[in-house]
Protein backbone atom coordinates (compact mmCIF):
# COMPACT_ATOMS: atom_id res chain seq x y z
CA MET A 1 16.69 2.69 -14.23
CA THR A 2 15.40 6.23 -13.84
CA GLU A 3 16.86 9.17 -11.94
CA TYR A 4 14.85 10.39 -8.92
CA GLN A 5 15.29 13.06 -6.29
CA PHE A 6 13.67 12.65 -2.85
CA GLN A 7 13.08 15.72 -0.70
CA VAL A 8 11.58 15.93 2.79
CA SER A 9 10.33 18.62 5.16
CA ASN A 10 8.82 18.73 8.62
CA HIS A 11 7.56 22.31 8.25
CA PRO A 12 3.77 22.28 8.80
CA ARG A 13 3.10 24.40 5.68
CA ALA A 14 5.69 22.91 3.30
CA GLY A 15 3.06 21.11 1.24
CA GLU A 16 0.98 24.24 0.59
CA GLN A 17 0.97 26.43 -2.49
CA PRO A 18 2.03 29.14 -2.51
CA ALA A 19 4.64 28.19 0.08
CA THR A 20 5.90 30.67 2.61
CA GLU A 21 9.58 31.54 2.49
CA ALA A 22 10.24 29.49 5.64
CA ALA A 23 8.33 26.49 4.26
CA ALA A 24 10.19 26.62 0.94
CA ALA A 25 13.53 26.80 2.74
CA SER A 26 12.69 23.80 4.92
CA TRP A 27 13.00 21.21 2.12
CA GLN A 28 16.04 18.92 2.34
CA THR A 29 17.27 16.62 -0.42
CA LEU A 30 17.87 13.12 0.97
CA TYR A 31 18.69 11.25 -2.22
CA THR A 32 19.40 11.94 -5.86
CA GLY A 33 20.09 8.89 -7.99
CA THR A 34 18.59 5.92 -9.74
CA VAL A 35 15.77 3.70 -8.53
CA ALA A 36 14.95 0.43 -10.31
CA THR A 37 11.19 0.92 -10.80
CA PRO A 38 8.54 3.59 -10.24
CA ALA A 39 6.83 1.25 -7.75
CA GLU A 40 10.00 1.08 -5.66
CA ALA A 41 10.27 4.89 -5.70
CA ARG A 42 6.69 5.20 -4.42
CA VAL A 43 7.33 2.65 -1.67
CA ALA A 44 10.44 4.59 -0.61
CA ALA A 45 8.46 7.85 -0.50
CA ASP A 46 5.69 6.25 1.53
CA GLN A 47 8.26 4.87 3.98
CA LEU A 48 9.92 8.29 4.33
CA ALA A 49 6.47 9.72 5.14
CA GLU A 50 6.53 7.68 8.34
CA TRP A 51 9.42 9.89 9.51
CA PHE A 52 8.73 13.23 7.80
CA ARG A 53 5.60 15.35 7.51
CA HIS A 54 6.09 16.02 3.78
CA VAL A 55 7.87 14.01 1.08
CA ARG A 56 8.17 14.94 -2.57
CA VAL A 57 9.77 13.05 -5.43
CA PHE A 58 10.99 14.36 -8.75
CA ARG A 59 11.70 12.01 -11.67
CA GLY A 60 13.99 12.29 -14.69
CA LYS A 61 17.35 13.80 -15.59
CA GLU A 62 15.89 17.30 -15.61
CA ILE A 63 14.75 17.46 -12.00
CA GLY A 64 12.00 20.04 -11.67
CA ARG A 65 8.58 18.49 -12.29
CA LEU A 66 6.91 16.96 -9.27
CA TRP A 67 6.21 13.26 -9.83
CA TYR A 68 4.85 12.04 -6.46
CA ALA A 69 4.19 13.57 -3.05
CA VAL A 70 3.00 12.57 0.41
CA SER A 71 1.86 15.25 2.86
CA ASP A 72 0.77 14.45 6.39
CA GLY A 73 0.31 10.81 5.37
CA ARG A 74 -1.83 11.61 2.29
CA GLN A 75 -0.58 10.69 -1.18
CA ARG A 76 -0.89 13.25 -3.96
């Protein structure tokens, strides 16, 4: 199993780079822990995107590199 961190935001500009200060501050961590497979992590992110405008997922013990993201229903 691999460690993942799921973060969400409903700020309209949270998915943009460079992010505004308000957009950067809008991210909330919902879960940090293990997920059985990468496919299950993607499914979880896609399901969260039904409730939140932006979802981003980081993978690995050293959280910091973006692994998967969904913004306004579009996968990236």
